[in-house]
N, C-alpha and C. Protein backbone atom coordinates (compact mmCIF):
# COMPACT_ATOMS: atom_id res chain seq x y z
N MET A 1 55.50 5.06 118.89
CA MET A 1 55.26 3.72 119.37
C MET A 1 54.19 3.08 118.50
N THR A 2 54.42 1.89 118.09
CA THR A 2 53.42 1.15 117.33
C THR A 2 53.24 -0.20 117.99
N GLN A 3 51.99 -0.61 118.14
CA GLN A 3 51.68 -1.92 118.66
C GLN A 3 50.83 -2.61 117.63
N ALA A 4 51.13 -3.86 117.34
CA ALA A 4 50.31 -4.61 116.39
C ALA A 4 50.27 -6.07 116.83
N THR A 5 49.12 -6.67 116.67
CA THR A 5 48.99 -8.06 117.05
C THR A 5 48.92 -8.96 115.84
N GLN A 6 48.38 -8.47 114.76
CA GLN A 6 48.32 -9.21 113.51
C GLN A 6 48.39 -8.19 112.39
N ALA A 7 48.70 -8.66 111.22
CA ALA A 7 48.70 -7.73 110.09
C ALA A 7 47.29 -7.16 109.94
N HIS A 8 47.21 -5.87 109.84
CA HIS A 8 45.91 -5.20 109.72
C HIS A 8 45.75 -4.74 108.28
N GLN A 9 44.75 -5.25 107.64
CA GLN A 9 44.49 -4.85 106.27
C GLN A 9 43.28 -3.95 106.26
N GLY A 10 43.48 -2.70 105.91
CA GLY A 10 42.40 -1.73 105.92
C GLY A 10 41.45 -1.94 104.77
N PRO A 11 40.32 -1.26 104.83
CA PRO A 11 39.32 -1.40 103.79
C PRO A 11 39.79 -0.77 102.48
N ALA A 12 39.29 -1.29 101.40
CA ALA A 12 39.63 -0.78 100.08
C ALA A 12 38.83 0.48 99.79
N ILE A 13 39.34 1.26 98.86
CA ILE A 13 38.62 2.45 98.43
C ILE A 13 37.28 2.02 97.84
N GLY A 14 36.23 2.75 98.15
CA GLY A 14 34.92 2.41 97.64
C GLY A 14 34.06 1.71 98.67
N ASP A 15 34.66 1.31 99.80
CA ASP A 15 33.88 0.70 100.87
C ASP A 15 33.02 1.76 101.52
N ASP A 16 31.95 1.33 102.19
CA ASP A 16 31.11 2.25 102.94
C ASP A 16 31.89 2.73 104.15
N VAL A 17 31.92 4.04 104.36
CA VAL A 17 32.64 4.61 105.49
C VAL A 17 31.70 5.54 106.25
N VAL A 18 31.69 5.37 107.58
CA VAL A 18 30.91 6.23 108.46
C VAL A 18 31.89 6.90 109.41
N LEU A 19 31.81 8.22 109.51
CA LEU A 19 32.66 8.98 110.42
C LEU A 19 31.81 9.57 111.53
N LEU A 20 32.21 9.35 112.76
CA LEU A 20 31.52 9.92 113.92
C LEU A 20 32.55 10.61 114.79
N THR A 21 32.23 11.80 115.24
CA THR A 21 33.08 12.51 116.18
C THR A 21 32.23 12.87 117.39
N VAL A 22 32.72 12.47 118.57
CA VAL A 22 32.01 12.75 119.81
C VAL A 22 33.00 13.31 120.81
N PRO A 23 32.53 14.06 121.82
CA PRO A 23 33.44 14.53 122.86
C PRO A 23 34.15 13.35 123.53
N ALA A 24 35.39 13.54 123.90
CA ALA A 24 36.17 12.49 124.58
C ALA A 24 35.72 12.43 126.04
N ASP A 25 34.54 11.89 126.22
CA ASP A 25 33.90 11.79 127.53
C ASP A 25 33.16 10.46 127.55
N GLY A 26 33.30 9.72 128.64
CA GLY A 26 32.67 8.42 128.75
C GLY A 26 31.17 8.44 128.51
N GLY A 27 30.53 9.56 128.76
CA GLY A 27 29.10 9.67 128.56
C GLY A 27 28.66 9.54 127.12
N TYR A 28 29.58 9.68 126.19
CA TYR A 28 29.25 9.61 124.77
C TYR A 28 29.61 8.28 124.13
N LEU A 29 30.18 7.36 124.90
CA LEU A 29 30.59 6.08 124.32
C LEU A 29 29.40 5.25 123.85
N GLY A 30 28.24 5.46 124.45
CA GLY A 30 27.05 4.74 124.01
C GLY A 30 26.72 5.00 122.56
N VAL A 31 27.01 6.20 122.08
CA VAL A 31 26.77 6.53 120.68
C VAL A 31 27.64 5.65 119.78
N LEU A 32 28.90 5.49 120.16
CA LEU A 32 29.82 4.67 119.36
C LEU A 32 29.46 3.19 119.46
N ARG A 33 29.06 2.74 120.64
CA ARG A 33 28.65 1.34 120.79
C ARG A 33 27.42 1.04 119.94
N THR A 34 26.47 1.97 119.92
CA THR A 34 25.25 1.78 119.13
C THR A 34 25.57 1.77 117.64
N ALA A 35 26.42 2.67 117.20
CA ALA A 35 26.81 2.70 115.78
C ALA A 35 27.52 1.40 115.41
N THR A 36 28.39 0.93 116.29
CA THR A 36 29.11 -0.33 116.05
C THR A 36 28.12 -1.47 115.87
N ALA A 37 27.17 -1.58 116.77
CA ALA A 37 26.18 -2.67 116.71
C ALA A 37 25.34 -2.58 115.44
N GLY A 38 24.92 -1.38 115.08
CA GLY A 38 24.10 -1.20 113.89
C GLY A 38 24.84 -1.59 112.62
N LEU A 39 26.10 -1.19 112.52
CA LEU A 39 26.87 -1.52 111.32
C LEU A 39 27.20 -3.01 111.26
N ALA A 40 27.50 -3.61 112.40
CA ALA A 40 27.78 -5.05 112.43
C ALA A 40 26.52 -5.84 112.07
N ALA A 41 25.37 -5.37 112.53
CA ALA A 41 24.11 -6.04 112.19
C ALA A 41 23.85 -5.95 110.69
N ARG A 42 24.22 -4.82 110.10
CA ARG A 42 24.06 -4.64 108.66
C ARG A 42 24.86 -5.69 107.88
N LEU A 43 25.99 -6.12 108.47
CA LEU A 43 26.83 -7.15 107.85
C LEU A 43 26.38 -8.56 108.21
N HIS A 44 25.29 -8.65 108.93
CA HIS A 44 24.75 -9.94 109.36
C HIS A 44 25.70 -10.69 110.27
N PHE A 45 26.39 -9.95 111.14
CA PHE A 45 27.21 -10.59 112.17
C PHE A 45 26.26 -11.32 113.12
N ALA A 46 26.74 -12.41 113.71
CA ALA A 46 25.97 -13.11 114.74
C ALA A 46 25.88 -12.22 115.97
N LEU A 47 24.86 -12.44 116.79
CA LEU A 47 24.66 -11.60 117.98
C LEU A 47 25.88 -11.57 118.89
N ASP A 48 26.53 -12.72 119.09
CA ASP A 48 27.71 -12.72 119.95
C ASP A 48 28.88 -11.96 119.32
N GLU A 49 28.99 -11.98 118.00
CA GLU A 49 30.02 -11.20 117.32
C GLU A 49 29.75 -9.70 117.47
N ILE A 50 28.49 -9.32 117.38
CA ILE A 50 28.13 -7.91 117.56
C ILE A 50 28.49 -7.46 118.97
N GLU A 51 28.15 -8.26 119.96
CA GLU A 51 28.46 -7.89 121.35
C GLU A 51 29.97 -7.83 121.58
N ASP A 52 30.72 -8.77 121.02
CA ASP A 52 32.18 -8.74 121.14
C ASP A 52 32.75 -7.46 120.55
N LEU A 53 32.24 -7.06 119.40
CA LEU A 53 32.73 -5.85 118.75
C LEU A 53 32.37 -4.61 119.55
N ARG A 54 31.17 -4.57 120.10
CA ARG A 54 30.78 -3.44 120.96
C ARG A 54 31.72 -3.32 122.16
N ILE A 55 32.03 -4.44 122.78
CA ILE A 55 32.94 -4.44 123.93
C ILE A 55 34.33 -3.98 123.51
N ALA A 56 34.81 -4.45 122.36
CA ALA A 56 36.13 -4.06 121.88
C ALA A 56 36.21 -2.57 121.61
N VAL A 57 35.19 -2.01 120.97
CA VAL A 57 35.17 -0.56 120.70
C VAL A 57 35.14 0.21 122.02
N ASP A 58 34.34 -0.25 122.97
CA ASP A 58 34.27 0.38 124.27
C ASP A 58 35.64 0.35 124.97
N GLU A 59 36.31 -0.77 124.92
CA GLU A 59 37.63 -0.92 125.55
C GLU A 59 38.66 -0.02 124.87
N ALA A 60 38.64 0.02 123.55
CA ALA A 60 39.57 0.88 122.81
C ALA A 60 39.35 2.35 123.18
N CYS A 61 38.09 2.75 123.25
CA CYS A 61 37.78 4.14 123.61
C CYS A 61 38.22 4.44 125.04
N ALA A 62 38.02 3.51 125.96
CA ALA A 62 38.45 3.72 127.34
C ALA A 62 39.96 3.91 127.42
N MET A 63 40.71 3.15 126.63
CA MET A 63 42.16 3.31 126.59
C MET A 63 42.53 4.71 126.12
N LEU A 64 41.81 5.20 125.12
CA LEU A 64 42.11 6.51 124.56
C LEU A 64 41.67 7.64 125.49
N LEU A 65 40.53 7.47 126.15
CA LEU A 65 40.05 8.51 127.07
C LEU A 65 41.05 8.77 128.19
N ALA A 66 41.75 7.72 128.60
CA ALA A 66 42.71 7.85 129.70
C ALA A 66 43.89 8.76 129.37
N ILE A 67 44.16 8.96 128.08
CA ILE A 67 45.31 9.78 127.68
C ILE A 67 44.91 11.00 126.85
N ALA A 68 43.62 11.27 126.74
CA ALA A 68 43.13 12.37 125.90
C ALA A 68 43.39 13.73 126.56
N THR A 69 43.59 14.71 125.71
CA THR A 69 43.72 16.08 126.21
C THR A 69 42.36 16.59 126.66
N ARG A 70 42.37 17.57 127.52
CA ARG A 70 41.11 18.19 127.98
C ARG A 70 40.39 18.80 126.78
N GLY A 71 39.10 18.51 126.67
CA GLY A 71 38.30 19.06 125.59
C GLY A 71 38.48 18.36 124.26
N ALA A 72 39.17 17.24 124.26
CA ALA A 72 39.42 16.52 123.01
C ALA A 72 38.14 15.87 122.48
N GLU A 73 38.21 15.42 121.24
CA GLU A 73 37.12 14.69 120.62
C GLU A 73 37.63 13.33 120.18
N LEU A 74 36.79 12.32 120.33
CA LEU A 74 37.08 10.99 119.78
C LEU A 74 36.61 10.98 118.34
N GLU A 75 37.49 10.65 117.44
CA GLU A 75 37.14 10.54 116.03
C GLU A 75 37.07 9.06 115.70
N CYS A 76 35.93 8.61 115.27
CA CYS A 76 35.72 7.20 115.00
C CYS A 76 35.35 7.01 113.53
N ARG A 77 36.08 6.13 112.86
CA ARG A 77 35.86 5.84 111.44
C ARG A 77 35.50 4.37 111.32
N PHE A 78 34.34 4.09 110.79
CA PHE A 78 33.88 2.73 110.55
C PHE A 78 33.93 2.49 109.05
N ALA A 79 34.58 1.43 108.63
CA ALA A 79 34.60 1.07 107.21
C ALA A 79 33.98 -0.31 107.06
N VAL A 80 32.94 -0.38 106.24
CA VAL A 80 32.17 -1.60 106.05
C VAL A 80 32.55 -2.23 104.72
N THR A 81 32.93 -3.51 104.75
CA THR A 81 33.18 -4.27 103.54
C THR A 81 32.15 -5.39 103.47
N ASP A 82 32.28 -6.27 102.50
CA ASP A 82 31.32 -7.36 102.36
C ASP A 82 31.29 -8.28 103.57
N ASP A 83 32.44 -8.49 104.21
CA ASP A 83 32.51 -9.47 105.29
C ASP A 83 33.24 -8.98 106.53
N ALA A 84 33.49 -7.67 106.62
CA ALA A 84 34.27 -7.17 107.76
C ALA A 84 33.86 -5.75 108.13
N LEU A 85 34.16 -5.42 109.37
CA LEU A 85 33.98 -4.06 109.86
C LEU A 85 35.30 -3.61 110.46
N ALA A 86 35.86 -2.54 109.89
CA ALA A 86 37.10 -1.95 110.41
C ALA A 86 36.72 -0.70 111.19
N VAL A 87 37.26 -0.57 112.38
CA VAL A 87 36.98 0.57 113.24
C VAL A 87 38.30 1.22 113.61
N GLU A 88 38.39 2.52 113.39
CA GLU A 88 39.57 3.29 113.77
C GLU A 88 39.13 4.41 114.68
N VAL A 89 39.69 4.45 115.88
CA VAL A 89 39.34 5.48 116.85
C VAL A 89 40.61 6.26 117.18
N ALA A 90 40.51 7.59 117.15
CA ALA A 90 41.68 8.43 117.40
C ALA A 90 41.30 9.58 118.32
N VAL A 91 42.30 10.07 119.06
CA VAL A 91 42.09 11.20 119.96
C VAL A 91 43.41 11.96 120.11
N SER A 92 43.32 13.27 120.31
CA SER A 92 44.53 14.04 120.62
C SER A 92 44.92 13.71 122.05
N THR A 93 46.23 13.62 122.27
CA THR A 93 46.72 13.16 123.56
C THR A 93 47.59 14.19 124.27
N VAL A 94 47.73 13.97 125.56
CA VAL A 94 48.63 14.79 126.35
C VAL A 94 50.06 14.41 125.99
N ARG A 95 50.97 15.32 126.22
CA ARG A 95 52.38 15.10 125.90
C ARG A 95 52.90 13.88 126.67
N GLY A 96 53.59 13.01 125.97
CA GLY A 96 54.19 11.83 126.59
C GLY A 96 53.20 10.70 126.87
N ALA A 97 52.00 10.81 126.35
CA ALA A 97 50.99 9.78 126.60
C ALA A 97 51.41 8.45 125.99
N ARG A 98 51.06 7.38 126.70
CA ARG A 98 51.36 6.04 126.22
C ARG A 98 50.14 5.16 126.37
N LEU A 99 49.91 4.34 125.39
CA LEU A 99 48.85 3.35 125.47
C LEU A 99 49.34 2.16 126.29
N PRO A 100 48.42 1.37 126.83
CA PRO A 100 48.85 0.17 127.57
C PRO A 100 49.68 -0.75 126.67
N SER A 101 50.57 -1.52 127.29
CA SER A 101 51.42 -2.44 126.53
C SER A 101 50.60 -3.61 126.00
N GLU A 102 51.16 -4.30 125.02
CA GLU A 102 50.49 -5.44 124.42
C GLU A 102 50.23 -6.55 125.43
N SER A 103 50.96 -6.56 126.52
CA SER A 103 50.77 -7.60 127.53
C SER A 103 49.72 -7.22 128.58
N SER A 104 49.15 -6.02 128.47
CA SER A 104 48.16 -5.56 129.45
C SER A 104 46.83 -6.29 129.26
N PHE A 105 46.03 -6.31 130.31
CA PHE A 105 44.72 -6.94 130.24
C PHE A 105 43.84 -6.26 129.18
N ALA A 106 43.88 -4.93 129.13
CA ALA A 106 43.06 -4.19 128.16
C ALA A 106 43.41 -4.61 126.73
N TRP A 107 44.68 -4.77 126.45
CA TRP A 107 45.09 -5.15 125.11
C TRP A 107 44.69 -6.59 124.81
N LYS A 108 44.77 -7.46 125.80
CA LYS A 108 44.36 -8.86 125.63
C LYS A 108 42.86 -8.93 125.29
N VAL A 109 42.07 -8.05 125.90
CA VAL A 109 40.63 -8.00 125.60
C VAL A 109 40.43 -7.64 124.13
N LEU A 110 41.13 -6.62 123.66
CA LEU A 110 40.98 -6.20 122.26
C LEU A 110 41.33 -7.32 121.29
N THR A 111 42.43 -8.00 121.55
CA THR A 111 42.88 -9.03 120.62
C THR A 111 42.00 -10.28 120.69
N ALA A 112 41.39 -10.52 121.82
CA ALA A 112 40.51 -11.69 121.95
C ALA A 112 39.17 -11.46 121.26
N LEU A 113 38.74 -10.22 121.17
CA LEU A 113 37.40 -9.92 120.66
C LEU A 113 37.36 -9.51 119.19
N THR A 114 38.52 -9.36 118.56
CA THR A 114 38.58 -8.90 117.17
C THR A 114 39.48 -9.82 116.34
N THR A 115 39.40 -9.67 115.04
CA THR A 115 40.29 -10.42 114.14
C THR A 115 41.70 -9.88 114.24
N SER A 116 41.83 -8.56 114.30
CA SER A 116 43.14 -7.94 114.48
C SER A 116 42.97 -6.59 115.17
N ALA A 117 44.04 -6.19 115.85
CA ALA A 117 44.04 -4.90 116.53
C ALA A 117 45.44 -4.33 116.48
N GLU A 118 45.52 -3.03 116.33
CA GLU A 118 46.81 -2.35 116.35
C GLU A 118 46.62 -0.94 116.88
N ALA A 119 47.71 -0.38 117.37
CA ALA A 119 47.64 0.97 117.93
C ALA A 119 48.93 1.71 117.64
N GLU A 120 48.81 3.03 117.63
CA GLU A 120 50.01 3.85 117.48
C GLU A 120 49.80 5.19 118.16
N THR A 121 50.89 5.75 118.62
CA THR A 121 50.87 7.12 119.14
C THR A 121 51.99 7.87 118.44
N ASN A 122 51.77 9.16 118.22
CA ASN A 122 52.80 9.95 117.55
C ASN A 122 53.18 11.19 118.34
N GLY A 123 52.84 11.23 119.62
CA GLY A 123 53.18 12.38 120.44
C GLY A 123 52.05 13.39 120.55
N GLN A 124 51.17 13.45 119.56
CA GLN A 124 50.05 14.38 119.58
C GLN A 124 48.71 13.68 119.43
N GLN A 125 48.74 12.44 118.97
CA GLN A 125 47.51 11.70 118.73
C GLN A 125 47.76 10.22 118.95
N ALA A 126 46.74 9.54 119.44
CA ALA A 126 46.78 8.08 119.57
C ALA A 126 45.64 7.52 118.74
N THR A 127 45.92 6.40 118.09
CA THR A 127 44.93 5.75 117.23
C THR A 127 44.92 4.26 117.52
N ILE A 128 43.72 3.71 117.62
CA ILE A 128 43.56 2.26 117.74
C ILE A 128 42.70 1.80 116.57
N ARG A 129 43.18 0.76 115.89
CA ARG A 129 42.47 0.20 114.74
C ARG A 129 42.05 -1.24 115.05
N LEU A 130 40.79 -1.52 114.81
CA LEU A 130 40.25 -2.86 115.04
C LEU A 130 39.66 -3.37 113.73
N LEU A 131 39.83 -4.64 113.48
CA LEU A 131 39.22 -5.26 112.31
C LEU A 131 38.53 -6.53 112.78
N THR A 132 37.27 -6.68 112.41
CA THR A 132 36.53 -7.89 112.73
C THR A 132 35.90 -8.41 111.45
N ARG A 133 36.25 -9.65 111.15
CA ARG A 133 35.65 -10.33 110.00
C ARG A 133 34.52 -11.22 110.48
N ARG A 134 33.47 -11.24 109.73
CA ARG A 134 32.31 -12.09 110.06
C ARG A 134 32.71 -13.55 109.89
N THR A 135 32.34 -14.37 110.85
CA THR A 135 32.59 -15.80 110.72
C THR A 135 31.49 -16.41 109.86
N GLU A 136 31.85 -17.39 109.10
CA GLU A 136 30.88 -18.07 108.24
C GLU A 136 30.14 -19.09 109.07
N ASN A 137 28.83 -19.13 108.95
CA ASN A 137 28.02 -20.11 109.68
C ASN A 137 27.63 -21.25 108.79
């Protein structure tokens, strides 16, 4: 299953990449939210853009936690470009796991808070990719 709301263009080779792996437990989402905020601040995102991105990452992780296998880890990849932050979060899933549909409230939150969002599941893993471009002031 693949869900996409807009064409997602990933970061080019040579971009700054940060990889974080945390237990698939809600208690560790603060680590990912903090990393998201720090990297967005590094790109000089506006405060409201930083908060939107933190909420989007939190929502994406919550979607993944709901279908994660016991003892799984959330793998989060942040790619920093000159004007954007791409976030990819993945987790191993239980058999037959499905992410919420594109018409769900959770998915609407992701698409409202980011430039683009997409998701895929392959039977063993689910991945959500978010891209947020800094707005010019």
